């Protein structure tokens, strides 16, 4: 067995073909419930917005609208005016049809 690493910080393991399920190659893991949080902020030319924390649960399209777009982005857009530019990444919740409809409106 040979161990290496990659630029994505994963540990890569090479073993002989057909040996993956040998007892010495199997490792038990305990699973514990976890709590996840989402943290986001806006970036400005002269700084950034405060951090916004959304805890407990998956970020769905509707939750993104309710927890981020309505209370933060919409108000911030109103304060900035015509020069406001909104950019997001390709996260699944950002691409939801409900989000796209909301942004177009």
PDB file of N, CA and C in Angstrom:
ATOM      1  N   UNK A   1       0.852  -1.166   0.000  1.00  0.00           N
ATOM      2  CA  UNK A   1       0.000   0.000   0.000  1.00  0.00           C
ATOM      3  C   UNK A   1       0.899   1.231   0.000  1.00  0.00           C
ATOM      4  N   UNK A   2       0.545   2.219  -0.791  1.00  0.00           N
ATOM      5  CA  UNK A   2       1.305   3.457  -0.884  1.00  0.00           C
ATOM      6  C   UNK A   2       0.372   4.611  -0.533  1.00  0.00           C
ATOM      7  N   UNK A   3       0.827   5.554   0.259  1.00  0.00           N
ATOM      8  CA  UNK A   3       0.017   6.704   0.660  1.00  0.00           C
ATOM      9  C   UNK A   3       0.625   7.946   0.036  1.00  0.00           C
ATOM     10  N   UNK A   4      -0.226   8.800  -0.491  1.00  0.00           N
ATOM     11  CA  UNK A   4       0.237  10.055  -1.075  1.00  0.00           C
ATOM     12  C   UNK A   4      -0.742  11.153  -0.728  1.00  0.00           C
ATOM     13  N   UNK A   5      -0.511  12.311  -1.269  1.00  0.00           N
ATOM     14  CA  UNK A   5      -1.443  13.407  -1.046  1.00  0.00           C
ATOM     15  C   UNK A   5      -1.633  14.147  -2.368  1.00  0.00           C
ATOM     16  N   UNK A   6      -2.687  14.940  -2.416  1.00  0.00           N
ATOM     17  CA  UNK A   6      -2.963  15.702  -3.623  1.00  0.00           C
ATOM     18  C   UNK A   6      -3.111  17.164  -3.246  1.00  0.00           C
ATOM     19  N   UNK A   7      -3.227  18.030  -4.255  1.00  0.00           N
ATOM     20  CA  UNK A   7      -3.354  19.452  -3.971  1.00  0.00           C
ATOM     21  C   UNK A   7      -4.710  19.818  -3.375  1.00  0.00           C
ATOM     22  N   UNK A   8      -5.672  18.884  -3.358  1.00  0.00           N
ATOM     23  CA  UNK A   8      -6.972  19.162  -2.742  1.00  0.00           C
ATOM     24  C   UNK A   8      -6.992  18.727  -1.284  1.00  0.00           C
ATOM     25  N   UNK A   9      -5.838  18.432  -0.724  1.00  0.00           N
ATOM     26  CA  UNK A   9      -5.657  18.079   0.688  1.00  0.00           C
ATOM     27  C   UNK A   9      -6.313  16.759   1.085  1.00  0.00           C
ATOM     28  N   UNK A  10      -6.590  15.926   0.149  1.00  0.00           N
ATOM     29  CA  UNK A  10      -7.091  14.587   0.463  1.00  0.00           C
ATOM     30  C   UNK A  10      -5.927  13.639   0.529  1.00  0.00           C
ATOM     31  N   UNK A  11      -6.059  12.626   1.339  1.00  0.00           N
ATOM     32  CA  UNK A  11      -5.032  11.600   1.402  1.00  0.00           C
ATOM     33  C   UNK A  11      -5.431  10.496   0.421  1.00  0.00           C
ATOM     34  N   UNK A  12      -4.558  10.185  -0.488  1.00  0.00           N
ATOM     35  CA  UNK A  12      -4.820   9.171  -1.496  1.00  0.00           C
ATOM     36  C   UNK A  12      -4.107   7.887  -1.104  1.00  0.00           C
ATOM     37  N   UNK A  13      -4.792   6.775  -1.266  1.00  0.00           N
ATOM     38  CA  UNK A  13      -4.210   5.477  -0.916  1.00  0.00           C
ATOM     39  C   UNK A  13      -4.296   4.561  -2.131  1.00  0.00           C
ATOM     40  N   UNK A  14      -3.171   3.975  -2.495  1.00  0.00           N
ATOM     41  CA  UNK A  14      -3.133   3.007  -3.577  1.00  0.00           C
ATOM     42  C   UNK A  14      -2.904   1.634  -2.971  1.00  0.00           C
ATOM     43  N   UNK A  15      -3.726   0.656  -3.340  1.00  0.00           N
ATOM     44  CA  UNK A  15      -3.522  -0.717  -2.885  1.00  0.00           C
ATOM     45  C   UNK A  15      -3.614  -1.640  -4.094  1.00  0.00           C
ATOM     46  N   UNK A  16      -3.189  -2.837  -3.882  1.00  0.00           N
ATOM     47  CA  UNK A  16      -3.250  -3.821  -4.958  1.00  0.00           C
ATOM     48  C   UNK A  16      -4.702  -4.074  -5.328  1.00  0.00           C
ATOM     49  N   UNK A  17      -4.933  -4.329  -6.578  1.00  0.00           N
ATOM     50  CA  UNK A  17      -6.280  -4.614  -7.068  1.00  0.00           C
ATOM     51  C   UNK A  17      -6.886  -5.784  -6.294  1.00  0.00           C
ATOM     52  N   UNK A  18      -8.150  -5.636  -5.884  1.00  0.00           N
ATOM     53  CA  UNK A  18      -8.857  -6.694  -5.179  1.00  0.00           C
ATOM     54  C   UNK A  18      -8.614  -6.765  -3.686  1.00  0.00           C
ATOM     55  N   UNK A  19      -7.887  -5.798  -3.121  1.00  0.00           N
ATOM     56  CA  UNK A  19      -7.583  -5.859  -1.685  1.00  0.00           C
ATOM     57  C   UNK A  19      -8.377  -4.866  -0.848  1.00  0.00           C
ATOM     58  N   UNK A  20      -9.259  -4.089  -1.445  1.00  0.00           N
ATOM     59  CA  UNK A  20      -9.959  -3.021  -0.728  1.00  0.00           C
ATOM     60  C   UNK A  20     -10.779  -3.528   0.446  1.00  0.00           C
ATOM     61  N   UNK A  21     -11.361  -4.710   0.337  1.00  0.00           N
ATOM     62  CA  UNK A  21     -12.259  -5.191   1.393  1.00  0.00           C
ATOM     63  C   UNK A  21     -11.616  -6.198   2.339  1.00  0.00           C
ATOM     64  N   UNK A  22     -10.327  -6.291   2.324  1.00  0.00           N
ATOM     65  CA  UNK A  22      -9.650  -7.132   3.309  1.00  0.00           C
ATOM     66  C   UNK A  22      -9.812  -6.503   4.688  1.00  0.00           C
ATOM     67  N   UNK A  23      -9.956  -7.323   5.740  1.00  0.00           N
ATOM     68  CA  UNK A  23     -10.179  -6.778   7.088  1.00  0.00           C
ATOM     69  C   UNK A  23      -9.155  -5.721   7.513  1.00  0.00           C
ATOM     70  N   UNK A  24      -7.914  -5.876   7.127  1.00  0.00           N
ATOM     71  CA  UNK A  24      -6.896  -4.902   7.539  1.00  0.00           C
ATOM     72  C   UNK A  24      -7.068  -3.549   6.832  1.00  0.00           C
ATOM     73  N   UNK A  25      -7.886  -3.516   5.777  1.00  0.00           N
ATOM     74  CA  UNK A  25      -8.114  -2.265   5.044  1.00  0.00           C
ATOM     75  C   UNK A  25      -9.435  -1.596   5.399  1.00  0.00           C
ATOM     76  N   UNK A  26     -10.180  -2.161   6.332  1.00  0.00           N
ATOM     77  CA  UNK A  26     -11.478  -1.606   6.714  1.00  0.00           C
ATOM     78  C   UNK A  26     -11.346  -0.928   8.066  1.00  0.00           C
ATOM     79  N   UNK A  27     -11.857   0.280   8.160  1.00  0.00           N
ATOM     80  CA  UNK A  27     -11.746   1.050   9.391  1.00  0.00           C
ATOM     81  C   UNK A  27     -13.149   1.473   9.831  1.00  0.00           C
ATOM     82  N   UNK A  28     -13.523   1.128  11.057  1.00  0.00           N
ATOM     83  CA  UNK A  28     -14.822   1.535  11.590  1.00  0.00           C
ATOM     84  C   UNK A  28     -14.775   2.990  12.001  1.00  0.00           C
ATOM     85  N   UNK A  29     -15.891   3.672  11.806  1.00  0.00           N
ATOM     86  CA  UNK A  29     -15.993   5.064  12.226  1.00  0.00           C
ATOM     87  C   UNK A  29     -17.265   5.232  13.033  1.00  0.00           C
ATOM     88  N   UNK A  30     -17.165   5.980  14.108  1.00  0.00           N
ATOM     89  CA  UNK A  30     -18.346   6.324  14.886  1.00  0.00           C
ATOM     90  C   UNK A  30     -18.967   7.566  14.282  1.00  0.00           C
ATOM     91  N   UNK A  31     -20.272   7.562  14.173  1.00  0.00           N
ATOM     92  CA  UNK A  31     -20.976   8.716  13.622  1.00  0.00           C
ATOM     93  C   UNK A  31     -21.715   9.430  14.750  1.00  0.00           C
ATOM     94  N   UNK A  32     -21.574  10.723  14.784  1.00  0.00           N
ATOM     95  CA  UNK A  32     -22.250  11.529  15.789  1.00  0.00           C
ATOM     96  C   UNK A  32     -23.081  12.577  15.074  1.00  0.00           C
ATOM     97  N   UNK A  33     -24.247  12.902  15.629  1.00  0.00           N
ATOM     98  CA  UNK A  33     -25.025  13.974  15.010  1.00  0.00           C
ATOM     99  C   UNK A  33     -24.231  15.283  15.067  1.00  0.00           C
ATOM    100  N   UNK A  34     -24.347  16.040  14.041  1.00  0.00           N
ATOM    101  CA  UNK A  34     -23.607  17.297  13.996  1.00  0.00           C
ATOM    102  C   UNK A  34     -24.566  18.458  13.789  1.00  0.00           C
ATOM    103  N   UNK A  35     -24.108  19.596  14.113  1.00  0.00           N
ATOM    104  CA  UNK A  35     -24.845  20.831  13.880  1.00  0.00           C
ATOM    105  C   UNK A  35     -24.010  21.634  12.893  1.00  0.00           C
ATOM    106  N   UNK A  36     -24.638  22.142  11.893  1.00  0.00           N
ATOM    107  CA  UNK A  36     -23.878  22.928  10.933  1.00  0.00           C
ATOM    108  C   UNK A  36     -24.404  24.356  10.930  1.00  0.00           C
ATOM    109  N   UNK A  37     -23.532  25.243  10.573  1.00  0.00           N
ATOM    110  CA  UNK A  37     -23.928  26.633  10.430  1.00  0.00           C
ATOM    111  C   UNK A  37     -23.427  27.147   9.092  1.00  0.00           C
ATOM    112  N   UNK A  38     -24.117  28.117   8.567  1.00  0.00           N
ATOM    113  CA  UNK A  38     -23.697  28.787   7.347  1.00  0.00           C
ATOM    114  C   UNK A  38     -23.322  30.206   7.754  1.00  0.00           C
ATOM    115  N   UNK A  39     -22.200  30.683   7.257  1.00  0.00           N
ATOM    116  CA  UNK A  39     -21.746  32.029   7.571  1.00  0.00           C
ATOM    117  C   UNK A  39     -21.488  32.744   6.260  1.00  0.00           C
ATOM    118  N   UNK A  40     -21.996  33.958   6.150  1.00  0.00           N
ATOM    119  CA  UNK A  40     -21.795  34.719   4.929  1.00  0.00           C
ATOM    120  C   UNK A  40     -21.589  36.191   5.238  1.00  0.00           C
ATOM    121  N   UNK A  41     -21.032  36.895   4.284  1.00  0.00           N
ATOM    122  CA  UNK A  41     -20.829  38.333   4.410  1.00  0.00           C
ATOM    123  C   UNK A  41     -20.790  38.934   3.021  1.00  0.00           C
ATOM    124  N   UNK A  42     -21.023  40.218   2.934  1.00  0.00           N
ATOM    125  CA  UNK A  42     -20.927  40.931   1.671  1.00  0.00           C
ATOM    126  C   UNK A  42     -19.589  41.633   1.570  1.00  0.00           C
ATOM    127  N   UNK A  43     -19.073  41.711   0.355  1.00  0.00           N
ATOM    128  CA  UNK A  43     -17.791  42.374   0.107  1.00  0.00           C
ATOM    129  C   UNK A  43     -18.072  43.679  -0.625  1.00  0.00           C
ATOM    130  N   UNK A  44     -17.462  44.735  -0.152  1.00  0.00           N
ATOM    131  CA  UNK A  44     -17.644  46.064  -0.727  1.00  0.00           C
ATOM    132  C   UNK A  44     -16.310  46.605  -1.203  1.00  0.00           C
ATOM    133  N   UNK A  45     -16.344  47.630  -1.991  1.00  0.00           N
ATOM    134  CA  UNK A  45     -15.103  48.256  -2.443  1.00  0.00           C
ATOM    135  C   UNK A  45     -14.300  48.769  -1.256  1.00  0.00           C
ATOM    136  N   UNK A  46     -14.988  49.331  -0.274  1.00  0.00           N
ATOM    137  CA  UNK A  46     -14.276  49.922   0.857  1.00  0.00           C
ATOM    138  C   UNK A  46     -14.431  49.119   2.146  1.00  0.00           C
ATOM    139  N   UNK A  47     -14.743  47.835   2.053  1.00  0.00           N
ATOM    140  CA  UNK A  47     -14.875  47.035   3.261  1.00  0.00           C
ATOM    141  C   UNK A  47     -15.755  45.818   3.061  1.00  0.00           C
ATOM    142  N   UNK A  48     -16.499  45.466   4.108  1.00  0.00           N
ATOM    143  CA  UNK A  48     -17.385  44.311   4.037  1.00  0.00           C
ATOM    144  C   UNK A  48     -18.540  44.509   4.999  1.00  0.00           C
ATOM    145  N   UNK A  49     -19.571  43.697   4.819  1.00  0.00           N
ATOM    146  CA  UNK A  49     -20.700  43.738   5.733  1.00  0.00           C
ATOM    147  C   UNK A  49     -20.367  42.915   6.972  1.00  0.00           C
ATOM    148  N   UNK A  50     -21.235  42.961   7.954  1.00  0.00           N
ATOM    149  CA  UNK A  50     -21.085  42.105   9.119  1.00  0.00           C
ATOM    150  C   UNK A  50     -21.314  40.662   8.711  1.00  0.00           C
ATOM    151  N   UNK A  51     -20.776  39.728   9.475  1.00  0.00           N
ATOM    152  CA  UNK A  51     -21.023  38.305   9.228  1.00  0.00           C
ATOM    153  C   UNK A  51     -22.462  37.978   9.592  1.00  0.00           C
ATOM    154  N   UNK A  52     -23.082  37.137   8.791  1.00  0.00           N
ATOM    155  CA  UNK A  52     -24.439  36.680   9.045  1.00  0.00           C
ATOM    156  C   UNK A  52     -24.374  35.170   9.256  1.00  0.00           C
ATOM    157  N   UNK A  53     -24.914  34.700  10.364  1.00  0.00           N
ATOM    158  CA  UNK A  53     -24.867  33.282  10.712  1.00  0.00           C
ATOM    159  C   UNK A  53     -26.262  32.700  10.625  1.00  0.00           C
ATOM    160  N   UNK A  54     -26.382  31.582   9.890  1.00  0.00           N
ATOM    161  CA  UNK A  54     -27.636  30.841   9.793  1.00  0.00           C
ATOM    162  C   UNK A  54     -27.349  29.445  10.318  1.00  0.00           C
ATOM    163  N   UNK A  55     -27.997  29.067  11.424  1.00  0.00           N
ATOM    164  CA  UNK A  55     -27.717  27.787  12.069  1.00  0.00           C
ATOM    165  C   UNK A  55     -28.846  26.795  11.839  1.00  0.00           C
ATOM    166  N   UNK A  56     -28.508  25.530  12.053  1.00  0.00           N
ATOM    167  CA  UNK A  56     -29.486  24.432  12.109  1.00  0.00           C
ATOM    168  C   UNK A  56     -30.236  24.194  10.807  1.00  0.00           C
ATOM    169  N   UNK A  57     -29.742  23.285  10.056  1.00  0.00           N
ATOM    170  CA  UNK A  57     -30.465  22.827   8.881  1.00  0.00           C
ATOM    171  C   UNK A  57     -29.783  23.128   7.569  1.00  0.00           C
ATOM    172  N   UNK A  58     -30.368  22.587   6.550  1.00  0.00           N
ATOM    173  CA  UNK A  58     -29.859  22.745   5.194  1.00  0.00           C
ATOM    174  C   UNK A  58     -30.313  24.072   4.617  1.00  0.00           C
ATOM    175  N   UNK A  59     -29.463  24.694   3.848  1.00  0.00           N
ATOM    176  CA  UNK A  59     -29.813  25.947   3.196  1.00  0.00           C
ATOM    177  C   UNK A  59     -30.526  25.622   1.882  1.00  0.00           C
ATOM    178  N   UNK A  60     -31.828  25.761   1.897  1.00  0.00           N
ATOM    179  CA  UNK A  60     -32.637  25.548   0.697  1.00  0.00           C
ATOM    180  C   UNK A  60     -32.827  26.884  -0.006  1.00  0.00           C
ATOM    181  N   UNK A  61     -33.401  26.843  -1.192  1.00  0.00           N
ATOM    182  CA  UNK A  61     -33.678  28.078  -1.912  1.00  0.00           C
ATOM    183  C   UNK A  61     -34.582  29.008  -1.122  1.00  0.00           C
ATOM    184  N   UNK A  62     -35.657  28.467  -0.566  1.00  0.00           N
ATOM    185  CA  UNK A  62     -36.586  29.307   0.195  1.00  0.00           C
ATOM    186  C   UNK A  62     -35.941  29.845   1.461  1.00  0.00           C
ATOM    187  N   UNK A  63     -35.140  29.033   2.112  1.00  0.00           N
ATOM    188  CA  UNK A  63     -34.446  29.495   3.323  1.00  0.00           C
ATOM    189  C   UNK A  63     -33.439  30.587   2.974  1.00  0.00           C
ATOM    190  N   UNK A  64     -32.779  30.473   1.838  1.00  0.00           N
ATOM    191  CA  UNK A  64     -31.844  31.492   1.368  1.00  0.00           C
ATOM    192  C   UNK A  64     -32.583  32.809   1.155  1.00  0.00           C
ATOM    193  N   UNK A  65     -33.761  32.742   0.564  1.00  0.00           N
ATOM    194  CA  UNK A  65     -34.578  33.947   0.379  1.00  0.00           C
ATOM    195  C   UNK A  65     -34.948  34.547   1.729  1.00  0.00           C
ATOM    196  N   UNK A  66     -35.477  33.705   2.626  1.00  0.00           N
ATOM    197  CA  UNK A  66     -35.991  34.181   3.915  1.00  0.00           C
ATOM    198  C   UNK A  66     -34.909  34.678   4.869  1.00  0.00           C
ATOM    199  N   UNK A  67     -33.759  33.994   4.895  1.00  0.00           N
ATOM    200  CA  UNK A  67     -32.715  34.293   5.882  1.00  0.00           C
ATOM    201  C   UNK A  67     -31.612  35.217   5.374  1.00  0.00           C
ATOM    202  N   UNK A  68     -31.457  35.315   4.048  1.00  0.00           N
ATOM    203  CA  UNK A  68     -30.347  36.114   3.515  1.00  0.00           C
ATOM    204  C   UNK A  68     -30.846  37.225   2.590  1.00  0.00           C
ATOM    205  N   UNK A  69     -31.558  36.849   1.545  1.00  0.00           N
ATOM    206  CA  UNK A  69     -31.940  37.846   0.538  1.00  0.00           C
ATOM    207  C   UNK A  69     -32.897  38.900   1.078  1.00  0.00           C
ATOM    208  N   UNK A  70     -33.985  38.480   1.709  1.00  0.00           N
ATOM    209  CA  UNK A  70     -34.970  39.452   2.208  1.00  0.00           C
ATOM    210  C   UNK A  70     -34.420  40.344   3.323  1.00  0.00           C
ATOM    211  N   UNK A  71     -33.865  39.775   4.397  1.00  0.00           N
ATOM    212  CA  UNK A  71     -33.455  40.654   5.493  1.00  0.00           C
ATOM    213  C   UNK A  71     -32.153  41.418   5.265  1.00  0.00           C
ATOM    214  N   UNK A  72     -31.292  40.952   4.382  1.00  0.00           N
ATOM    215  CA  UNK A  72     -29.987  41.595   4.254  1.00  0.00           C
ATOM    216  C   UNK A  72     -29.754  42.188   2.868  1.00  0.00           C
ATOM    217  N   UNK A  73     -29.848  41.379   1.838  1.00  0.00           N
ATOM    218  CA  UNK A  73     -29.496  41.840   0.500  1.00  0.00           C
ATOM    219  C   UNK A  73     -30.477  42.893  -0.002  1.00  0.00           C
ATOM    220  N   UNK A  74     -31.762  42.668   0.201  1.00  0.00           N
ATOM    221  CA  UNK A  74     -32.757  43.629  -0.286  1.00  0.00           C
ATOM    222  C   UNK A  74     -32.564  44.997   0.370  1.00  0.00           C
ATOM    223  N   UNK A  75     -32.374  45.026   1.678  1.00  0.00           N
ATOM    224  CA  UNK A  75     -32.182  46.296   2.373  1.00  0.00           C
ATOM    225  C   UNK A  75     -30.878  46.968   1.972  1.00  0.00           C
ATOM    226  N   UNK A  76     -29.837  46.166   1.801  1.00  0.00           N
ATOM    227  CA  UNK A  76     -28.546  46.711   1.409  1.00  0.00           C
ATOM    228  C   UNK A  76     -28.621  47.307   0.011  1.00  0.00           C
ATOM    229  N   UNK A  77     -29.331  46.643  -0.879  1.00  0.00           N
ATOM    230  CA  UNK A  77     -29.517  47.161  -2.235  1.00  0.00           C
ATOM    231  C   UNK A  77     -30.206  48.512  -2.201  1.00  0.00           C
ATOM    232  N   UNK A  78     -31.215  48.624  -1.350  1.00  0.00           N
ATOM    233  CA  UNK A  78     -31.910  49.901  -1.228  1.00  0.00           C
ATOM    234  C   UNK A  78     -31.002  51.008  -0.732  1.00  0.00           C
ATOM    235  N   UNK A  79     -30.091  50.687   0.160  1.00  0.00           N
ATOM    236  CA  UNK A  79     -29.173  51.690   0.706  1.00  0.00           C
ATOM    237  C   UNK A  79     -28.117  52.108  -0.313  1.00  0.00           C
ATOM    238  N   UNK A  80     -27.661  51.183  -1.153  1.00  0.00           N
ATOM    239  CA  UNK A  80     -26.603  51.478  -2.118  1.00  0.00           C
ATOM    240  C   UNK A  80     -27.162  52.194  -3.339  1.00  0.00           C
ATOM    241  N   UNK A  81     -28.329  51.755  -3.794  1.00  0.00           N
ATOM    242  CA  UNK A  81     -28.940  52.401  -4.951  1.00  0.00           C
ATOM    243  C   UNK A  81     -28.546  51.754  -6.265  1.00  0.00           C
ATOM    244  N   UNK A  82     -28.510  52.574  -7.328  1.00  0.00           N
ATOM    245  CA  UNK A  82     -28.313  52.076  -8.701  1.00  0.00           C
ATOM    246  C   UNK A  82     -26.962  51.411  -8.937  1.00  0.00           C
ATOM    247  N   UNK A  83     -25.961  51.712  -8.145  1.00  0.00           N
ATOM    248  CA  UNK A  83     -24.633  51.133  -8.362  1.00  0.00           C
ATOM    249  C   UNK A  83     -24.469  49.771  -7.696  1.00  0.00           C
ATOM    250  N   UNK A  84     -25.547  49.259  -7.090  1.00  0.00           N
ATOM    251  CA  UNK A  84     -25.488  47.968  -6.415  1.00  0.00           C
ATOM    252  C   UNK A  84     -25.302  46.842  -7.432  1.00  0.00           C
ATOM    253  N   UNK A  85     -24.359  45.947  -7.164  1.00  0.00           N
ATOM    254  CA  UNK A  85     -24.135  44.755  -7.985  1.00  0.00           C
ATOM    255  C   UNK A  85     -24.200  43.557  -7.054  1.00  0.00           C
ATOM    256  N   UNK A  86     -25.059  42.606  -7.385  1.00  0.00           N
ATOM    257  CA  UNK A  86     -25.195  41.410  -6.557  1.00  0.00           C
ATOM    258  C   UNK A  86     -24.572  40.236  -7.280  1.00  0.00           C
ATOM    259  N   UNK A  87     -23.676  39.536  -6.605  1.00  0.00           N
ATOM    260  CA  UNK A  87     -23.042  38.350  -7.171  1.00  0.00           C
ATOM    261  C   UNK A  87     -23.124  37.235  -6.152  1.00  0.00           C
ATOM    262  N   UNK A  88     -23.391  36.029  -6.617  1.00  0.00           N
ATOM    263  CA  UNK A  88     -23.315  34.864  -5.747  1.00  0.00           C
ATOM    264  C   UNK A  88     -22.622  33.751  -6.507  1.00  0.00           C
ATOM    265  N   UNK A  89     -22.374  32.645  -5.836  1.00  0.00           N
ATOM    266  CA  UNK A  89     -21.686  31.548  -6.501  1.00  0.00           C
ATOM    267  C   UNK A  89     -22.718  30.538  -7.006  1.00  0.00           C
ATOM    268  N   UNK A  90     -22.283  29.398  -7.408  1.00  0.00           N
ATOM    269  CA  UNK A  90     -23.187  28.386  -7.960  1.00  0.00           C
ATOM    270  C   UNK A  90     -23.659  27.395  -6.910  1.00  0.00           C
ATOM    271  N   UNK A  91     -23.764  27.827  -5.662  1.00  0.00           N
ATOM    272  CA  UNK A  91     -24.295  26.940  -4.636  1.00  0.00           C
ATOM    273  C   UNK A  91     -25.704  26.512  -5.040  1.00  0.00           C
ATOM    274  N   UNK A  92     -26.076  25.303  -4.693  1.00  0.00           N
ATOM    275  CA  UNK A  92     -27.367  24.757  -5.103  1.00  0.00           C
ATOM    276  C   UNK A  92     -28.518  25.659  -4.690  1.00  0.00           C
ATOM    277  N   UNK A  93     -28.480  26.167  -3.473  1.00  0.00           N
ATOM    278  CA  UNK A  93     -29.586  27.021  -3.018  1.00  0.00           C
ATOM    279  C   UNK A  93     -29.660  28.324  -3.801  1.00  0.00           C
ATOM    280  N   UNK A  94     -28.556  28.815  -4.339  1.00  0.00           N
ATOM    281  CA  UNK A  94     -28.560  30.047  -5.122  1.00  0.00           C
ATOM    282  C   UNK A  94     -29.183  29.832  -6.497  1.00  0.00           C
ATOM    283  N   UNK A  95     -29.169  28.599  -6.967  1.00  0.00           N
ATOM    284  CA  UNK A  95     -29.667  28.297  -8.306  1.00  0.00           C
ATOM    285  C   UNK A  95     -31.120  27.840  -8.327  1.00  0.00           C
ATOM    286  N   UNK A  96     -31.750  27.756  -7.167  1.00  0.00           N
ATOM    287  CA  UNK A  96     -33.141  27.296  -7.098  1.00  0.00           C
ATOM    288  C   UNK A  96     -34.046  28.238  -7.892  1.00  0.00           C
ATOM    289  N   UNK A  97     -35.078  27.676  -8.495  1.00  0.00           N
ATOM    290  CA  UNK A  97     -36.009  28.461  -9.304  1.00  0.00           C
ATOM    291  C   UNK A  97     -36.646  29.580  -8.484  1.00  0.00           C
ATOM    292  N   UNK A  98     -36.996  29.297  -7.231  1.00  0.00           N
ATOM    293  CA  UNK A  98     -37.597  30.321  -6.376  1.00  0.00           C
ATOM    294  C   UNK A  98     -36.642  31.498  -6.172  1.00  0.00           C
ATOM    295  N   UNK A  99     -35.358  31.222  -6.045  1.00  0.00           N
ATOM    296  CA  UNK A  99     -34.365  32.271  -5.871  1.00  0.00           C
ATOM    297  C   UNK A  99     -34.232  33.087  -7.148  1.00  0.00           C
ATOM    298  N   UNK A 100     -34.167  32.406  -8.283  1.00  0.00           N
ATOM    299  CA  UNK A 100     -34.065  33.105  -9.556  1.00  0.00           C
ATOM    300  C   UNK A 100     -35.274  34.017  -9.787  1.00  0.00           C
ATOM    301  N   UNK A 101     -36.472  33.512  -9.487  1.00  0.00           N
ATOM    302  CA  UNK A 101     -37.686  34.313  -9.613  1.00  0.00           C
ATOM    303  C   UNK A 101     -37.641  35.523  -8.673  1.00  0.00           C
ATOM    304  N   UNK A 102     -37.210  35.301  -7.443  1.00  0.00           N
ATOM    305  CA  UNK A 102     -37.117  36.389  -6.466  1.00  0.00           C
ATOM    306  C   UNK A 102     -36.155  37.462  -6.961  1.00  0.00           C
ATOM    307  N   UNK A 103     -34.995  37.062  -7.447  1.00  0.00           N
ATOM    308  CA  UNK A 103     -33.993  38.039  -7.892  1.00  0.00           C
ATOM    309  C   UNK A 103     -34.473  38.814  -9.110  1.00  0.00           C
ATOM    310  N   UNK A 104     -35.194  38.162  -9.996  1.00  0.00           N
ATOM    311  CA  UNK A 104     -35.723  38.863 -11.171  1.00  0.00           C
ATOM    312  C   UNK A 104     -36.805  39.870 -10.792  1.00  0.00           C
ATOM    313  N   UNK A 105     -37.538  39.571  -9.722  1.00  0.00           N
ATOM    314  CA  UNK A 105     -38.602  40.497  -9.312  1.00  0.00           C
ATOM    315  C   UNK A 105     -38.011  41.677  -8.577  1.00  0.00           C
TER     316      UNK A 105
END
